[in-house]
Amino acid sequence: MPKPSLKEAILEAGLKAMFRTGYNGTSVRDVTAAAGAPQGSFTNHFRSKEAFASEVLERYFAHTRGLVADALDDGSLTPRARLSRYLDIITGRLEADGFSRGCLIGDFSLEASGSSEILRTRLAEIFAEWRTPFAACIAEAQKAREISSEFEPQELAEFLLASWQGAILRMKVERNAAPLERFKEIAFQTVFKELSS
């Protein structure tokens, strides 16, 4: 009878470890020890640490897609309120982690994009895919005349995600919600300001 695959346990342990110690600070030995797996099982499933990190990133982004859908597909809210709701959902999750963990996509962008072309390329694809539902929601808000149409929806979506990543980085340093709340307040009183009827 074949032995059960330890791939899932290794990926789960890797996700937790990379959140804690980053891409460079996480060793294969740390991951396999946390997963209760022999080191040889790592090389059975992943050809390199870089390939492993790509799969960890995919797992994280699949979860992120779900959070985006929870907020932006909620038809009971106006488009502008959906954008705000997404920031609230993420703030709540970051608070639950004591503001010590940020976004793995942002963390990898800082740490691994300069040393791994594979990860840099995948991160660029993730940001492009991530932007799409936000741009659609922004276009809907503009069509409903909730927010200004001065800028293209894609550009506003880029601004929102990039600025939010910056706020998350500051949050990790300050260990509180102030940078997140500051960004949300300023963004929704300027760029995403509700138009007067």
C-alpha atoms as a PDB file:
ATOM      1  CA  MET A   1       0.000   0.000   0.000  1.00  0.00           C
ATOM      2  CA  PRO A   2       1.482   3.406  -0.973  1.00  0.00           C
ATOM      3  CA  LYS A   3       2.363   5.880   1.757  1.00  0.00           C
ATOM      4  CA  PRO A   4       0.039   8.903   2.033  1.00  0.00           C
ATOM      5  CA  SER A   5       1.360  12.089   0.413  1.00  0.00           C
ATOM      6  CA  LEU A   6       2.768  14.671   2.785  1.00  0.00           C
ATOM      7  CA  LYS A   7       2.519  17.453   0.214  1.00  0.00           C
ATOM      8  CA  GLU A   8      -0.482  19.160   1.832  1.00  0.00           C
ATOM      9  CA  ALA A   9       1.099  19.121   5.294  1.00  0.00           C
ATOM     10  CA  ILE A  10       4.333  20.534   3.869  1.00  0.00           C
ATOM     11  CA  LEU A  11       2.489  23.332   2.036  1.00  0.00           C
ATOM     12  CA  GLU A  12       0.467  24.222   5.127  1.00  0.00           C
ATOM     13  CA  ALA A  13       3.603  24.294   7.277  1.00  0.00           C
ATOM     14  CA  GLY A  14       5.370  26.365   4.614  1.00  0.00           C
ATOM     15  CA  LEU A  15       2.593  28.948   4.508  1.00  0.00           C
ATOM     16  CA  LYS A  16       2.757  29.414   8.281  1.00  0.00           C
ATOM     17  CA  ALA A  17       6.566  29.518   8.302  1.00  0.00           C
ATOM     18  CA  MET A  18       6.851  32.010   5.442  1.00  0.00           C
ATOM     19  CA  PHE A  19       4.345  34.292   7.133  1.00  0.00           C
ATOM     20  CA  ARG A  20       6.460  34.166  10.286  1.00  0.00           C
ATOM     21  CA  THR A  21      10.012  34.306   8.930  1.00  0.00           C
ATOM     22  CA  GLY A  22       9.682  35.262   5.251  1.00  0.00           C
ATOM     23  CA  TYR A  23      10.958  33.585   2.116  1.00  0.00           C
ATOM     24  CA  ASN A  24      14.665  33.915   2.885  1.00  0.00           C
ATOM     25  CA  GLY A  25      14.264  33.146   6.578  1.00  0.00           C
ATOM     26  CA  THR A  26      12.399  29.882   6.003  1.00  0.00           C
ATOM     27  CA  SER A  27      14.495  26.772   5.452  1.00  0.00           C
ATOM     28  CA  VAL A  28      13.392  23.450   3.991  1.00  0.00           C
ATOM     29  CA  ARG A  29      14.456  21.868   7.287  1.00  0.00           C
ATOM     30  CA  ASP A  30      12.134  24.203   9.252  1.00  0.00           C
ATOM     31  CA  VAL A  31       9.205  23.403   6.966  1.00  0.00           C
ATOM     32  CA  THR A  32       9.632  19.629   6.998  1.00  0.00           C
ATOM     33  CA  ALA A  33      10.126  19.601  10.775  1.00  0.00           C
ATOM     34  CA  ALA A  34       6.916  21.607  11.271  1.00  0.00           C
ATOM     35  CA  ALA A  35       5.074  19.252   8.911  1.00  0.00           C
ATOM     36  CA  GLY A  36       6.434  16.152  10.630  1.00  0.00           C
ATOM     37  CA  ALA A  37       7.871  15.024   7.295  1.00  0.00           C
ATOM     38  CA  PRO A  38      11.296  13.694   6.343  1.00  0.00           C
ATOM     39  CA  GLN A  39      13.374  16.113   4.266  1.00  0.00           C
ATOM     40  CA  GLY A  40      13.360  13.664   1.376  1.00  0.00           C
ATOM     41  CA  SER A  41       9.594  14.047   1.042  1.00  0.00           C
ATOM     42  CA  PHE A  42      10.120  17.741   0.243  1.00  0.00           C
ATOM     43  CA  THR A  43      12.236  16.919  -2.807  1.00  0.00           C
ATOM     44  CA  ASN A  44       9.712  14.278  -3.861  1.00  0.00           C
ATOM     45  CA  HIS A  45       7.087  17.021  -4.274  1.00  0.00           C
ATOM     46  CA  PHE A  46       9.051  20.202  -5.058  1.00  0.00           C
ATOM     47  CA  ARG A  47      12.051  20.590  -7.353  1.00  0.00           C
ATOM     48  CA  SER A  48      13.331  23.629  -5.421  1.00  0.00           C
ATOM     49  CA  LYS A  49      12.519  26.029  -2.605  1.00  0.00           C
ATOM     50  CA  GLU A  50      11.506  28.522  -5.310  1.00  0.00           C
ATOM     51  CA  ALA A  51       8.984  26.061  -6.796  1.00  0.00           C
ATOM     52  CA  PHE A  52       7.698  25.349  -3.293  1.00  0.00           C
ATOM     53  CA  ALA A  53       7.295  29.080  -2.567  1.00  0.00           C
ATOM     54  CA  SER A  54       5.319  29.430  -5.831  1.00  0.00           C
ATOM     55  CA  GLU A  55       2.849  26.811  -4.612  1.00  0.00           C
ATOM     56  CA  VAL A  56       2.601  28.449  -1.186  1.00  0.00           C
ATOM     57  CA  LEU A  57       1.863  31.737  -2.965  1.00  0.00           C
ATOM     58  CA  GLU A  58      -0.856  30.058  -5.066  1.00  0.00           C
ATOM     59  CA  ARG A  59      -2.484  28.669  -1.935  1.00  0.00           C
ATOM     60  CA  TYR A  60      -2.452  32.101  -0.309  1.00  0.00           C
ATOM     61  CA  PHE A  61      -3.816  33.843  -3.410  1.00  0.00           C
ATOM     62  CA  ALA A  62      -6.655  31.312  -3.723  1.00  0.00           C
ATOM     63  CA  HIS A  63      -7.695  32.307  -0.193  1.00  0.00           C
ATOM     64  CA  THR A  64      -7.350  36.008  -1.061  1.00  0.00           C
ATOM     65  CA  ARG A  65      -9.605  35.570  -4.105  1.00  0.00           C
ATOM     66  CA  GLY A  66     -12.283  34.271  -1.742  1.00  0.00           C
ATOM     67  CA  LEU A  67     -12.013  37.336   0.492  1.00  0.00           C
ATOM     68  CA  VAL A  68     -12.251  39.627  -2.545  1.00  0.00           C
ATOM     69  CA  ALA A  69     -15.365  37.795  -3.741  1.00  0.00           C
ATOM     70  CA  ASP A  70     -16.952  37.970  -0.254  1.00  0.00           C
ATOM     71  CA  ALA A  71     -16.724  41.763  -0.356  1.00  0.00           C
ATOM     72  CA  LEU A  72     -17.015  42.736  -4.014  1.00  0.00           C
ATOM     73  CA  ASP A  73     -19.745  40.271  -5.024  1.00  0.00           C
ATOM     74  CA  ASP A  74     -22.093  41.350  -2.226  1.00  0.00           C
ATOM     75  CA  GLY A  75     -25.031  42.742  -4.212  1.00  0.00           C
ATOM     76  CA  SER A  76     -26.711  44.037  -1.046  1.00  0.00           C
ATOM     77  CA  LEU A  77     -24.112  46.851  -0.915  1.00  0.00           C
ATOM     78  CA  THR A  78     -23.414  49.695  -3.312  1.00  0.00           C
ATOM     79  CA  PRO A  79     -20.162  49.360  -5.304  1.00  0.00           C
ATOM     80  CA  ARG A  80     -18.420  52.030  -3.217  1.00  0.00           C
ATOM     81  CA  ALA A  81     -19.531  50.320   0.007  1.00  0.00           C
ATOM     82  CA  ARG A  82     -18.185  47.007  -1.322  1.00  0.00           C
ATOM     83  CA  LEU A  83     -14.726  48.539  -1.791  1.00  0.00           C
ATOM     84  CA  SER A  84     -14.824  49.833   1.773  1.00  0.00           C
ATOM     85  CA  ARG A  85     -16.107  46.465   3.000  1.00  0.00           C
ATOM     86  CA  TYR A  86     -13.064  44.708   1.538  1.00  0.00           C
ATOM     87  CA  LEU A  87     -10.723  46.955   3.532  1.00  0.00           C
ATOM     88  CA  ASP A  88     -12.786  46.274   6.666  1.00  0.00           C
ATOM     89  CA  ILE A  89     -12.605  42.494   6.138  1.00  0.00           C
ATOM     90  CA  ILE A  90      -8.828  42.601   5.740  1.00  0.00           C
ATOM     91  CA  THR A  91      -8.405  44.948   8.713  1.00  0.00           C
ATOM     92  CA  GLY A  92     -10.381  42.509  10.872  1.00  0.00           C
ATOM     93  CA  ARG A  93      -8.187  39.600   9.812  1.00  0.00           C
ATOM     94  CA  LEU A  94      -4.990  41.556  10.429  1.00  0.00           C
ATOM     95  CA  GLU A  95      -6.265  42.604  13.849  1.00  0.00           C
ATOM     96  CA  ALA A  96      -7.012  38.954  14.701  1.00  0.00           C
ATOM     97  CA  ASP A  97      -3.308  38.261  14.065  1.00  0.00           C
ATOM     98  CA  GLY A  98      -2.266  41.069  16.403  1.00  0.00           C
ATOM     99  CA  PHE A  99      -1.182  43.206  13.416  1.00  0.00           C
ATOM    100  CA  SER A 100       1.988  41.098  13.238  1.00  0.00           C
ATOM    101  CA  ARG A 101       1.311  39.411   9.882  1.00  0.00           C
ATOM    102  CA  GLY A 102       0.674  41.287   6.698  1.00  0.00           C
ATOM    103  CA  CYS A 103      -0.018  40.124   3.166  1.00  0.00           C
ATOM    104  CA  LEU A 104       2.134  37.293   1.826  1.00  0.00           C
ATOM    105  CA  ILE A 105       1.837  38.727  -1.695  1.00  0.00           C
ATOM    106  CA  GLY A 106       3.262  42.045  -0.484  1.00  0.00           C
ATOM    107  CA  ASP A 107       5.911  40.304   1.618  1.00  0.00           C
ATOM    108  CA  PHE A 108       7.075  38.196  -1.333  1.00  0.00           C
ATOM    109  CA  SER A 109       7.060  41.288  -3.568  1.00  0.00           C
ATOM    110  CA  LEU A 110       9.548  42.963  -1.231  1.00  0.00           C
ATOM    111  CA  GLU A 111      11.676  39.980  -0.417  1.00  0.00           C
ATOM    112  CA  ALA A 112      11.740  37.551  -3.333  1.00  0.00           C
ATOM    113  CA  SER A 113      11.037  39.559  -6.494  1.00  0.00           C
ATOM    114  CA  GLY A 114      14.641  40.774  -6.651  1.00  0.00           C
ATOM    115  CA  SER A 115      16.181  37.320  -6.367  1.00  0.00           C
ATOM    116  CA  SER A 116      13.681  35.078  -8.167  1.00  0.00           C
ATOM    117  CA  GLU A 117      12.469  35.782 -11.692  1.00  0.00           C
ATOM    118  CA  ILE A 118       9.918  32.959 -11.381  1.00  0.00           C
ATOM    119  CA  LEU A 119       8.361  34.535  -8.280  1.00  0.00           C
ATOM    120  CA  ARG A 120       8.598  38.067  -9.689  1.00  0.00           C
ATOM    121  CA  THR A 121       6.759  37.018 -12.843  1.00  0.00           C
ATOM    122  CA  ARG A 122       4.064  35.195 -10.895  1.00  0.00           C
ATOM    123  CA  LEU A 123       3.618  38.153  -8.549  1.00  0.00           C
ATOM    124  CA  ALA A 124       3.107  40.476 -11.540  1.00  0.00           C
ATOM    125  CA  GLU A 125       0.426  38.086 -12.832  1.00  0.00           C
ATOM    126  CA  ILE A 126      -1.218  37.945  -9.413  1.00  0.00           C
ATOM    127  CA  PHE A 127      -1.388  41.739  -9.150  1.00  0.00           C
ATOM    128  CA  ALA A 128      -2.932  41.933 -12.642  1.00  0.00           C
ATOM    129  CA  GLU A 129      -5.541  39.311 -11.747  1.00  0.00           C
ATOM    130  CA  TRP A 130      -6.152  40.845  -8.327  1.00  0.00           C
ATOM    131  CA  ARG A 131      -6.769  44.259  -9.892  1.00  0.00           C
ATOM    132  CA  THR A 132      -9.524  42.986 -12.229  1.00  0.00           C
ATOM    133  CA  PRO A 133     -12.439  42.608  -9.753  1.00  0.00           C
ATOM    134  CA  PHE A 134     -11.556  45.924  -8.111  1.00  0.00           C
ATOM    135  CA  ALA A 135     -11.518  47.688 -11.480  1.00  0.00           C
ATOM    136  CA  ALA A 136     -14.925  46.161 -12.293  1.00  0.00           C
ATOM    137  CA  CYS A 137     -16.367  47.325  -8.976  1.00  0.00           C
ATOM    138  CA  ILE A 138     -14.891  50.811  -9.454  1.00  0.00           C
ATOM    139  CA  ALA A 139     -16.336  50.984 -12.986  1.00  0.00           C
ATOM    140  CA  GLU A 140     -19.720  50.061 -11.525  1.00  0.00           C
ATOM    141  CA  ALA A 141     -19.378  52.818  -8.896  1.00  0.00           C
ATOM    142  CA  GLN A 142     -18.482  55.325 -11.609  1.00  0.00           C
ATOM    143  CA  LYS A 143     -21.403  54.257 -13.796  1.00  0.00           C
ATOM    144  CA  ALA A 144     -23.734  54.682 -10.806  1.00  0.00           C
ATOM    145  CA  ARG A 145     -22.185  58.140 -10.294  1.00  0.00           C
ATOM    146  CA  GLU A 146     -21.096  57.201  -6.786  1.00  0.00           C
ATOM    147  CA  ILE A 147     -17.482  58.212  -7.393  1.00  0.00           C
ATOM    148  CA  SER A 148     -15.670  60.422  -9.886  1.00  0.00           C
ATOM    149  CA  SER A 149     -14.821  59.131 -13.368  1.00  0.00           C
ATOM    150  CA  GLU A 150     -11.744  61.372 -13.591  1.00  0.00           C
ATOM    151  CA  PHE A 151      -9.453  58.318 -13.603  1.00  0.00           C
ATOM    152  CA  GLU A 152      -9.778  54.986 -15.388  1.00  0.00           C
ATOM    153  CA  PRO A 153     -11.046  52.090 -13.226  1.00  0.00           C
ATOM    154  CA  GLN A 154      -7.849  50.075 -13.837  1.00  0.00           C
ATOM    155  CA  GLU A 155      -5.699  52.975 -12.642  1.00  0.00           C
ATOM    156  CA  LEU A 156      -7.820  53.447  -9.526  1.00  0.00           C
ATOM    157  CA  ALA A 157      -7.666  49.716  -8.800  1.00  0.00           C
ATOM    158  CA  GLU A 158      -3.857  49.844  -9.088  1.00  0.00           C
ATOM    159  CA  PHE A 159      -3.767  52.833  -6.744  1.00  0.00           C
ATOM    160  CA  LEU A 160      -6.033  51.114  -4.220  1.00  0.00           C
ATOM    161  CA  LEU A 161      -4.048  47.872  -4.083  1.00  0.00           C
ATOM    162  CA  ALA A 162      -0.598  49.488  -4.114  1.00  0.00           C
ATOM    163  CA  SER A 163      -1.485  52.041  -1.440  1.00  0.00           C
ATOM    164  CA  TRP A 164      -3.188  49.403   0.687  1.00  0.00           C
ATOM    165  CA  GLN A 165      -0.030  47.267   0.541  1.00  0.00           C
ATOM    166  CA  GLY A 166       1.948  50.275   1.776  1.00  0.00           C
ATOM    167  CA  ALA A 167      -0.501  50.786   4.638  1.00  0.00           C
ATOM    168  CA  ILE A 168      -0.137  47.104   5.590  1.00  0.00           C
ATOM    169  CA  LEU A 169       3.657  47.459   5.702  1.00  0.00           C
ATOM    170  CA  ARG A 170       3.359  50.427   8.046  1.00  0.00           C
ATOM    171  CA  MET A 171       0.832  48.491  10.139  1.00  0.00           C
ATOM    172  CA  LYS A 172       3.379  45.703  10.645  1.00  0.00           C
ATOM    173  CA  VAL A 173       5.870  48.252  11.960  1.00  0.00           C
ATOM    174  CA  GLU A 174       3.396  50.120  14.182  1.00  0.00           C
ATOM    175  CA  ARG A 175       1.505  46.954  15.262  1.00  0.00           C
ATOM    176  CA  ASN A 176      -1.862  48.697  15.206  1.00  0.00           C
ATOM    177  CA  ALA A 177      -4.679  49.620  12.833  1.00  0.00           C
ATOM    178  CA  ALA A 178      -3.785  53.319  12.556  1.00  0.00           C
ATOM    179  CA  PRO A 179      -2.059  53.118   9.110  1.00  0.00           C
ATOM    180  CA  LEU A 180      -4.969  51.100   7.705  1.00  0.00           C
ATOM    181  CA  GLU A 181      -7.609  53.467   9.085  1.00  0.00           C
ATOM    182  CA  ARG A 182      -5.628  56.502   7.912  1.00  0.00           C
ATOM    183  CA  PHE A 183      -5.424  55.150   4.368  1.00  0.00           C
ATOM    184  CA  LYS A 184      -9.113  54.261   4.280  1.00  0.00           C
ATOM    185  CA  GLU A 185     -10.229  57.636   5.638  1.00  0.00           C
ATOM    186  CA  ILE A 186      -8.100  59.658   3.216  1.00  0.00           C
ATOM    187  CA  ALA A 187      -8.845  57.464   0.183  1.00  0.00           C
ATOM    188  CA  PHE A 188     -12.595  57.559   0.752  1.00  0.00           C
ATOM    189  CA  GLN A 189     -12.612  61.311   1.370  1.00  0.00           C
ATOM    190  CA  THR A 190     -10.577  62.055  -1.768  1.00  0.00           C
ATOM    191  CA  VAL A 191     -10.132  59.529  -4.606  1.00  0.00           C
ATOM    192  CA  PHE A 192     -13.195  57.439  -3.722  1.00  0.00           C
ATOM    193  CA  LYS A 193     -15.215  60.341  -2.313  1.00  0.00           C
ATOM    194  CA  GLU A 194     -18.953  59.893  -2.737  1.00  0.00           C
ATOM    195  CA  LEU A 195     -20.317  62.336  -5.302  1.00  0.00           C
ATOM    196  CA  SER A 196     -23.086  64.673  -4.161  1.00  0.00           C
ATOM    197  CA  SER A 197     -26.421  63.896  -5.776  1.00  0.00           C
END
